[in-house]
Structure formats: C-alpha cells, structure tokens
Amino acid sequence: MTSSINSFYLKLFIFSIFTLGLFFIWNAYASLRFQSDLMGVLWAFFVISTAFIHYILVKISDKNPKNFVGYFMGITAIKLFGYLIIITIYALIKKEAALGFTLWFLLLYLLYSGFEVVMLMKHFKK
C-alpha cells in the first residue's frame, strides 16, 4: 500500500507540473479578463486536496472495500458542493474578477477529478 501511495504522489507531482505549465500558458495568452490573482493558490489547493482525498479513499478501501463506493460518492458530493460554494462566494465578493477565477477553478476541478478517478481505477485493478 505504501508503494501504491508513493507511486500516486509521484504521478500527482508530474501531473501538477503539467497543470502548472497550463497556468503559465494561460497567463501568457489569456486576456486580463480571464485571469485571477488567485490562480496559483487555486493550483496549490487542488494539488493538496487531491492528495488528501486520494489518501483517505485508499485507507477506507484497505479497511473495508465494501464501503468504498459509498464513501467515494459522499466525498465527491461534498467536494462538488463545497467547490460550488467557494465559486459563489468569490463571485459575490469580487464580481470583476469572477470570470477568470471561475474558469480556472472549473478547469482545475475537471483535470484533477479526472486524474483522481483514473488513479483510483488503476489502484483497484491490482
């Protein structure tokens, strides 16, 4: 299990370097309207939350694999609604920067959620 987690963290690191590259390309070519001062913070938030959630799900599956689906669905629902609350609060507070923040947030959400699902599928194929 430890080698599986370490392998995941290495893949997460490589994937995060890729998304960081997207961040720099986005900043270089996107207009100011589609950028946000918090893009780096969002990137770090998604890296950390993905690592944490994966760790929790793997630990749960090791204890009782039958409970995994319920926990996965619950964590995914909580994550989705929590992220929607973050986007809504930010959009209400900083209306002029909401578009860039929301686009970058949703892009990171899709990328890191997809990465998480693929890594969990690989983990359970073993």
N, C-alpha and C. Protein backbone atom coordinates (compact mmCIF):
# COMPACT_ATOMS: atom_id res chain seq x y z
N MET A 1 0.82 -1.20 0.00
CA MET A 1 0.00 0.00 0.00
C MET A 1 0.86 1.25 0.00
N THR A 2 1.98 1.24 0.72
CA THR A 2 2.84 2.41 0.78
C THR A 2 3.44 2.70 -0.59
N SER A 3 3.85 1.66 -1.32
CA SER A 3 4.40 1.90 -2.65
C SER A 3 3.33 2.44 -3.59
N SER A 4 2.08 2.00 -3.40
CA SER A 4 0.97 2.50 -4.21
C SER A 4 0.74 3.99 -3.95
N ILE A 5 0.77 4.38 -2.70
CA ILE A 5 0.59 5.79 -2.34
C ILE A 5 1.77 6.62 -2.88
N ASN A 6 2.99 6.11 -2.71
CA ASN A 6 4.16 6.83 -3.21
C ASN A 6 4.11 6.97 -4.72
N SER A 7 3.68 5.93 -5.40
CA SER A 7 3.53 5.98 -6.85
C SER A 7 2.49 7.04 -7.23
N PHE A 8 1.40 7.08 -6.48
CA PHE A 8 0.37 8.10 -6.75
C PHE A 8 0.93 9.50 -6.57
N TYR A 9 1.68 9.73 -5.49
CA TYR A 9 2.23 11.06 -5.25
C TYR A 9 3.21 11.47 -6.34
N LEU A 10 3.98 10.53 -6.85
CA LEU A 10 4.89 10.83 -7.96
C LEU A 10 4.10 11.22 -9.21
N LYS A 11 3.06 10.45 -9.51
CA LYS A 11 2.22 10.77 -10.67
C LYS A 11 1.49 12.10 -10.47
N LEU A 12 1.06 12.36 -9.26
CA LEU A 12 0.41 13.64 -8.96
C LEU A 12 1.39 14.79 -9.16
N PHE A 13 2.63 14.60 -8.74
CA PHE A 13 3.66 15.63 -8.94
C PHE A 13 3.86 15.91 -10.42
N ILE A 14 3.98 14.87 -11.23
CA ILE A 14 4.18 15.04 -12.67
C ILE A 14 2.97 15.71 -13.31
N PHE A 15 1.78 15.26 -12.93
CA PHE A 15 0.55 15.86 -13.46
C PHE A 15 0.44 17.33 -13.04
N SER A 16 0.86 17.64 -11.82
CA SER A 16 0.79 19.01 -11.32
C SER A 16 1.77 19.91 -12.06
N ILE A 17 2.91 19.38 -12.46
CA ILE A 17 3.85 20.15 -13.28
C ILE A 17 3.19 20.48 -14.62
N PHE A 18 2.46 19.52 -15.19
CA PHE A 18 1.72 19.75 -16.43
C PHE A 18 0.68 20.86 -16.24
N THR A 19 -0.08 20.80 -15.16
CA THR A 19 -1.11 21.83 -14.93
C THR A 19 -0.47 23.18 -14.62
N LEU A 20 0.69 23.16 -14.00
CA LEU A 20 1.42 24.41 -13.76
C LEU A 20 1.84 25.03 -15.09
N GLY A 21 2.23 24.18 -16.04
CA GLY A 21 2.54 24.67 -17.39
C GLY A 21 1.32 25.31 -18.03
N LEU A 22 0.15 24.69 -17.84
CA LEU A 22 -1.09 25.30 -18.34
C LEU A 22 -1.32 26.67 -17.72
N PHE A 23 -1.01 26.76 -16.43
CA PHE A 23 -1.14 28.02 -15.70
C PHE A 23 -0.29 29.12 -16.36
N PHE A 24 0.94 28.81 -16.68
CA PHE A 24 1.83 29.81 -17.29
C PHE A 24 1.39 30.15 -18.72
N ILE A 25 0.94 29.15 -19.47
CA ILE A 25 0.43 29.42 -20.82
C ILE A 25 -0.82 30.28 -20.74
N TRP A 26 -1.71 29.95 -19.81
CA TRP A 26 -2.94 30.72 -19.61
C TRP A 26 -2.60 32.18 -19.31
N ASN A 27 -1.68 32.40 -18.39
CA ASN A 27 -1.30 33.76 -18.02
C ASN A 27 -0.63 34.51 -19.17
N ALA A 28 0.08 33.80 -20.02
CA ALA A 28 0.79 34.45 -21.12
C ALA A 28 -0.16 34.88 -22.25
N TYR A 29 -1.19 34.09 -22.50
CA TYR A 29 -2.03 34.33 -23.67
C TYR A 29 -3.45 34.78 -23.39
N ALA A 30 -3.97 34.55 -22.21
CA ALA A 30 -5.35 34.94 -21.90
C ALA A 30 -5.40 36.43 -21.57
N SER A 31 -6.50 37.05 -21.92
CA SER A 31 -6.66 38.46 -21.57
C SER A 31 -6.81 38.60 -20.05
N LEU A 32 -6.63 39.79 -19.56
CA LEU A 32 -6.72 40.03 -18.12
C LEU A 32 -8.10 39.68 -17.57
N ARG A 33 -9.10 39.78 -18.42
CA ARG A 33 -10.47 39.45 -18.00
C ARG A 33 -10.59 37.99 -17.57
N PHE A 34 -9.77 37.11 -18.16
CA PHE A 34 -9.85 35.68 -17.89
C PHE A 34 -8.77 35.21 -16.91
N GLN A 35 -8.16 36.14 -16.20
CA GLN A 35 -7.13 35.79 -15.23
C GLN A 35 -7.59 36.19 -13.82
N SER A 36 -6.91 35.62 -12.84
CA SER A 36 -7.22 35.92 -11.46
C SER A 36 -5.93 35.94 -10.66
N ASP A 37 -5.89 36.77 -9.64
CA ASP A 37 -4.71 36.82 -8.78
C ASP A 37 -4.54 35.54 -7.97
N LEU A 38 -5.59 34.78 -7.84
CA LEU A 38 -5.57 33.58 -7.00
C LEU A 38 -5.32 32.29 -7.78
N MET A 39 -4.86 32.39 -9.00
CA MET A 39 -4.67 31.19 -9.81
C MET A 39 -3.63 30.25 -9.20
N GLY A 40 -2.56 30.79 -8.68
CA GLY A 40 -1.54 29.96 -8.03
C GLY A 40 -2.06 29.31 -6.76
N VAL A 41 -2.86 30.04 -6.02
CA VAL A 41 -3.45 29.50 -4.79
C VAL A 41 -4.42 28.37 -5.14
N LEU A 42 -5.20 28.56 -6.20
CA LEU A 42 -6.12 27.51 -6.62
C LEU A 42 -5.37 26.25 -7.04
N TRP A 43 -4.28 26.44 -7.78
CA TRP A 43 -3.48 25.31 -8.21
C TRP A 43 -2.99 24.52 -7.00
N ALA A 44 -2.42 25.21 -6.02
CA ALA A 44 -1.92 24.54 -4.81
C ALA A 44 -3.07 23.87 -4.05
N PHE A 45 -4.22 24.52 -3.98
CA PHE A 45 -5.38 23.96 -3.31
C PHE A 45 -5.79 22.63 -3.94
N PHE A 46 -5.83 22.56 -5.26
CA PHE A 46 -6.24 21.33 -5.93
C PHE A 46 -5.20 20.23 -5.79
N VAL A 47 -3.93 20.57 -5.80
CA VAL A 47 -2.89 19.56 -5.60
C VAL A 47 -3.02 18.95 -4.21
N ILE A 48 -3.15 19.79 -3.21
CA ILE A 48 -3.23 19.31 -1.82
C ILE A 48 -4.53 18.54 -1.58
N SER A 49 -5.65 19.07 -2.05
CA SER A 49 -6.92 18.39 -1.81
C SER A 49 -6.99 17.05 -2.55
N THR A 50 -6.42 16.96 -3.74
CA THR A 50 -6.41 15.69 -4.47
C THR A 50 -5.57 14.66 -3.72
N ALA A 51 -4.41 15.07 -3.23
CA ALA A 51 -3.54 14.15 -2.47
C ALA A 51 -4.25 13.67 -1.21
N PHE A 52 -4.89 14.58 -0.51
CA PHE A 52 -5.57 14.24 0.75
C PHE A 52 -6.76 13.31 0.50
N ILE A 53 -7.58 13.62 -0.47
CA ILE A 53 -8.77 12.81 -0.75
C ILE A 53 -8.36 11.41 -1.23
N HIS A 54 -7.35 11.33 -2.08
CA HIS A 54 -6.89 10.01 -2.53
C HIS A 54 -6.40 9.18 -1.35
N TYR A 55 -5.64 9.79 -0.47
CA TYR A 55 -5.13 9.08 0.70
C TYR A 55 -6.28 8.54 1.55
N ILE A 56 -7.30 9.36 1.78
CA ILE A 56 -8.46 8.94 2.58
C ILE A 56 -9.18 7.78 1.90
N LEU A 57 -9.40 7.88 0.60
CA LEU A 57 -10.14 6.84 -0.11
C LEU A 57 -9.38 5.52 -0.14
N VAL A 58 -8.07 5.58 -0.29
CA VAL A 58 -7.27 4.35 -0.29
C VAL A 58 -7.29 3.71 1.10
N LYS A 59 -7.18 4.53 2.15
CA LYS A 59 -7.24 4.00 3.52
C LYS A 59 -8.60 3.34 3.79
N ILE A 60 -9.67 3.96 3.34
CA ILE A 60 -11.01 3.41 3.53
C ILE A 60 -11.15 2.08 2.78
N SER A 61 -10.63 2.04 1.56
CA SER A 61 -10.75 0.81 0.77
C SER A 61 -9.91 -0.31 1.37
N ASP A 62 -8.81 0.02 2.00
CA ASP A 62 -7.98 -1.01 2.63
C ASP A 62 -8.68 -1.61 3.86
N LYS A 63 -9.41 -0.79 4.60
CA LYS A 63 -10.10 -1.27 5.80
C LYS A 63 -11.31 -2.12 5.44
N ASN A 64 -12.16 -1.58 4.54
CA ASN A 64 -13.37 -2.30 4.16
C ASN A 64 -13.74 -1.92 2.72
N PRO A 65 -13.35 -2.73 1.75
CA PRO A 65 -13.62 -2.40 0.35
C PRO A 65 -15.10 -2.23 0.02
N LYS A 66 -15.97 -2.87 0.79
CA LYS A 66 -17.41 -2.77 0.52
C LYS A 66 -17.93 -1.35 0.76
N ASN A 67 -17.28 -0.61 1.63
CA ASN A 67 -17.72 0.75 1.95
C ASN A 67 -17.17 1.80 0.99
N PHE A 68 -16.27 1.40 0.09
CA PHE A 68 -15.59 2.38 -0.75
C PHE A 68 -16.55 3.20 -1.60
N VAL A 69 -17.48 2.54 -2.28
CA VAL A 69 -18.37 3.25 -3.21
C VAL A 69 -19.17 4.33 -2.48
N GLY A 70 -19.69 4.00 -1.33
CA GLY A 70 -20.46 4.98 -0.56
C GLY A 70 -19.60 6.17 -0.13
N TYR A 71 -18.41 5.88 0.34
CA TYR A 71 -17.50 6.96 0.75
C TYR A 71 -17.07 7.80 -0.45
N PHE A 72 -16.78 7.14 -1.57
CA PHE A 72 -16.37 7.86 -2.77
C PHE A 72 -17.48 8.80 -3.23
N MET A 73 -18.69 8.30 -3.29
CA MET A 73 -19.82 9.14 -3.71
C MET A 73 -20.06 10.29 -2.73
N GLY A 74 -19.96 10.00 -1.44
CA GLY A 74 -20.16 11.03 -0.43
C GLY A 74 -19.09 12.11 -0.50
N ILE A 75 -17.83 11.70 -0.61
CA ILE A 75 -16.74 12.67 -0.69
C ILE A 75 -16.85 13.49 -1.97
N THR A 76 -17.22 12.84 -3.06
CA THR A 76 -17.37 13.56 -4.33
C THR A 76 -18.49 14.59 -4.25
N ALA A 77 -19.60 14.23 -3.64
CA ALA A 77 -20.73 15.16 -3.50
C ALA A 77 -20.34 16.34 -2.60
N ILE A 78 -19.70 16.05 -1.47
CA ILE A 78 -19.28 17.12 -0.57
C ILE A 78 -18.28 18.04 -1.26
N LYS A 79 -17.35 17.43 -1.99
CA LYS A 79 -16.35 18.21 -2.72
C LYS A 79 -17.01 19.12 -3.76
N LEU A 80 -17.94 18.57 -4.53
CA LEU A 80 -18.62 19.35 -5.57
C LEU A 80 -19.38 20.53 -4.96
N PHE A 81 -20.17 20.28 -3.94
CA PHE A 81 -20.95 21.36 -3.33
C PHE A 81 -20.05 22.37 -2.61
N GLY A 82 -19.00 21.88 -1.98
CA GLY A 82 -18.05 22.79 -1.34
C GLY A 82 -17.38 23.70 -2.35
N TYR A 83 -16.99 23.12 -3.48
CA TYR A 83 -16.35 23.92 -4.52
C TYR A 83 -17.32 24.92 -5.13
N LEU A 84 -18.58 24.53 -5.30
CA LEU A 84 -19.58 25.47 -5.82
C LEU A 84 -19.79 26.63 -4.84
N ILE A 85 -19.75 26.35 -3.55
CA ILE A 85 -19.88 27.41 -2.55
C ILE A 85 -18.70 28.37 -2.64
N ILE A 86 -17.49 27.83 -2.81
CA ILE A 86 -16.30 28.68 -2.95
C ILE A 86 -16.44 29.60 -4.16
N ILE A 87 -16.84 29.03 -5.29
CA ILE A 87 -17.00 29.83 -6.51
C ILE A 87 -18.06 30.91 -6.31
N THR A 88 -19.18 30.56 -5.71
CA THR A 88 -20.27 31.52 -5.50
C THR A 88 -19.85 32.65 -4.57
N ILE A 89 -19.21 32.32 -3.47
CA ILE A 89 -18.77 33.36 -2.53
C ILE A 89 -17.77 34.30 -3.20
N TYR A 90 -16.81 33.73 -3.92
CA TYR A 90 -15.83 34.58 -4.59
C TYR A 90 -16.50 35.47 -5.63
N ALA A 91 -17.44 34.91 -6.39
CA ALA A 91 -18.13 35.70 -7.42
C ALA A 91 -18.95 36.83 -6.81
N LEU A 92 -19.50 36.61 -5.63
CA LEU A 92 -20.27 37.67 -4.98
C LEU A 92 -19.36 38.76 -4.40
N ILE A 93 -18.19 38.37 -3.94
CA ILE A 93 -17.27 39.33 -3.33
C ILE A 93 -16.52 40.14 -4.38
N LYS A 94 -16.01 39.47 -5.41
CA LYS A 94 -15.20 40.14 -6.44
C LYS A 94 -15.81 39.90 -7.81
N LYS A 95 -16.86 40.61 -8.12
CA LYS A 95 -17.58 40.42 -9.37
C LYS A 95 -16.71 40.66 -10.60
N GLU A 96 -15.80 41.62 -10.52
CA GLU A 96 -14.98 41.96 -11.69
C GLU A 96 -13.95 40.88 -12.02
N ALA A 97 -13.57 40.06 -11.06
CA ALA A 97 -12.57 39.01 -11.28
C ALA A 97 -13.19 37.61 -11.29
N ALA A 98 -14.49 37.54 -11.22
CA ALA A 98 -15.17 36.24 -11.07
C ALA A 98 -15.02 35.35 -12.30
N LEU A 99 -14.99 35.92 -13.48
CA LEU A 99 -14.93 35.09 -14.69
C LEU A 99 -13.64 34.30 -14.76
N GLY A 100 -12.52 34.96 -14.59
CA GLY A 100 -11.23 34.27 -14.64
C GLY A 100 -11.08 33.24 -13.54
N PHE A 101 -11.50 33.61 -12.34
CA PHE A 101 -11.44 32.70 -11.21
C PHE A 101 -12.28 31.45 -11.47
N THR A 102 -13.50 31.65 -11.94
CA THR A 102 -14.41 30.53 -12.17
C THR A 102 -13.91 29.61 -13.28
N LEU A 103 -13.44 30.19 -14.37
CA LEU A 103 -12.92 29.36 -15.47
C LEU A 103 -11.73 28.53 -15.03
N TRP A 104 -10.78 29.15 -14.35
CA TRP A 104 -9.60 28.43 -13.89
C TRP A 104 -9.98 27.37 -12.85
N PHE A 105 -10.89 27.72 -11.95
CA PHE A 105 -11.35 26.78 -10.92
C PHE A 105 -11.98 25.55 -11.57
N LEU A 106 -12.88 25.76 -12.51
CA LEU A 106 -13.56 24.65 -13.16
C LEU A 106 -12.61 23.81 -13.99
N LEU A 107 -11.65 24.44 -14.66
CA LEU A 107 -10.65 23.70 -15.42
C LEU A 107 -9.85 22.79 -14.48
N LEU A 108 -9.39 23.35 -13.37
CA LEU A 108 -8.64 22.55 -12.40
C LEU A 108 -9.51 21.45 -11.80
N TYR A 109 -10.76 21.75 -11.53
CA TYR A 109 -11.66 20.74 -10.98
C TYR A 109 -11.79 19.56 -11.94
N LEU A 110 -12.01 19.84 -13.20
CA LEU A 110 -12.16 18.77 -14.19
C LEU A 110 -10.87 17.97 -14.34
N LEU A 111 -9.75 18.67 -14.44
CA LEU A 111 -8.47 17.98 -14.61
C LEU A 111 -8.13 17.10 -13.41
N TYR A 112 -8.22 17.66 -12.22
CA TYR A 112 -7.83 16.90 -11.03
C TYR A 112 -8.85 15.83 -10.66
N SER A 113 -10.13 16.04 -10.92
CA SER A 113 -11.13 14.99 -10.67
C SER A 113 -10.92 13.83 -11.64
N GLY A 114 -10.66 14.15 -12.89
CA GLY A 114 -10.37 13.09 -13.87
C GLY A 114 -9.12 12.32 -13.50
N PHE A 115 -8.09 13.03 -13.08
CA PHE A 115 -6.85 12.39 -12.66
C PHE A 115 -7.10 11.47 -11.46
N GLU A 116 -7.87 11.94 -10.52
CA GLU A 116 -8.18 11.16 -9.31
C GLU A 116 -8.92 9.87 -9.67
N VAL A 117 -9.89 9.96 -10.54
CA VAL A 117 -10.67 8.77 -10.93
C VAL A 117 -9.78 7.77 -11.66
N VAL A 118 -8.95 8.25 -12.58
CA VAL A 118 -8.06 7.34 -13.31
C VAL A 118 -7.10 6.65 -12.35
N MET A 119 -6.55 7.38 -11.41
CA MET A 119 -5.61 6.79 -10.45
C MET A 119 -6.30 5.79 -9.52
N LEU A 120 -7.53 6.07 -9.14
CA LEU A 120 -8.27 5.12 -8.31
C LEU A 120 -8.61 3.85 -9.09
N MET A 121 -8.93 4.00 -10.37
CA MET A 121 -9.22 2.83 -11.19
C MET A 121 -7.96 1.97 -11.33
N LYS A 122 -6.82 2.59 -11.51
CA LYS A 122 -5.56 1.85 -11.60
C LYS A 122 -5.25 1.16 -10.28
N HIS A 123 -5.53 1.84 -9.18
CA HIS A 123 -5.27 1.27 -7.86
C HIS A 123 -6.09 0.00 -7.64
N PHE A 124 -7.35 0.01 -8.08
CA PHE A 124 -8.22 -1.13 -7.82
C PHE A 124 -8.10 -2.24 -8.85
N LYS A 125 -7.37 -2.01 -9.92
CA LYS A 125 -7.12 -3.10 -10.88
C LYS A 125 -6.14 -4.11 -10.32
N LYS A 126 -5.35 -3.69 -9.33
CA LYS A 126 -4.32 -4.59 -8.77
C LYS A 126 -4.94 -5.71 -7.98
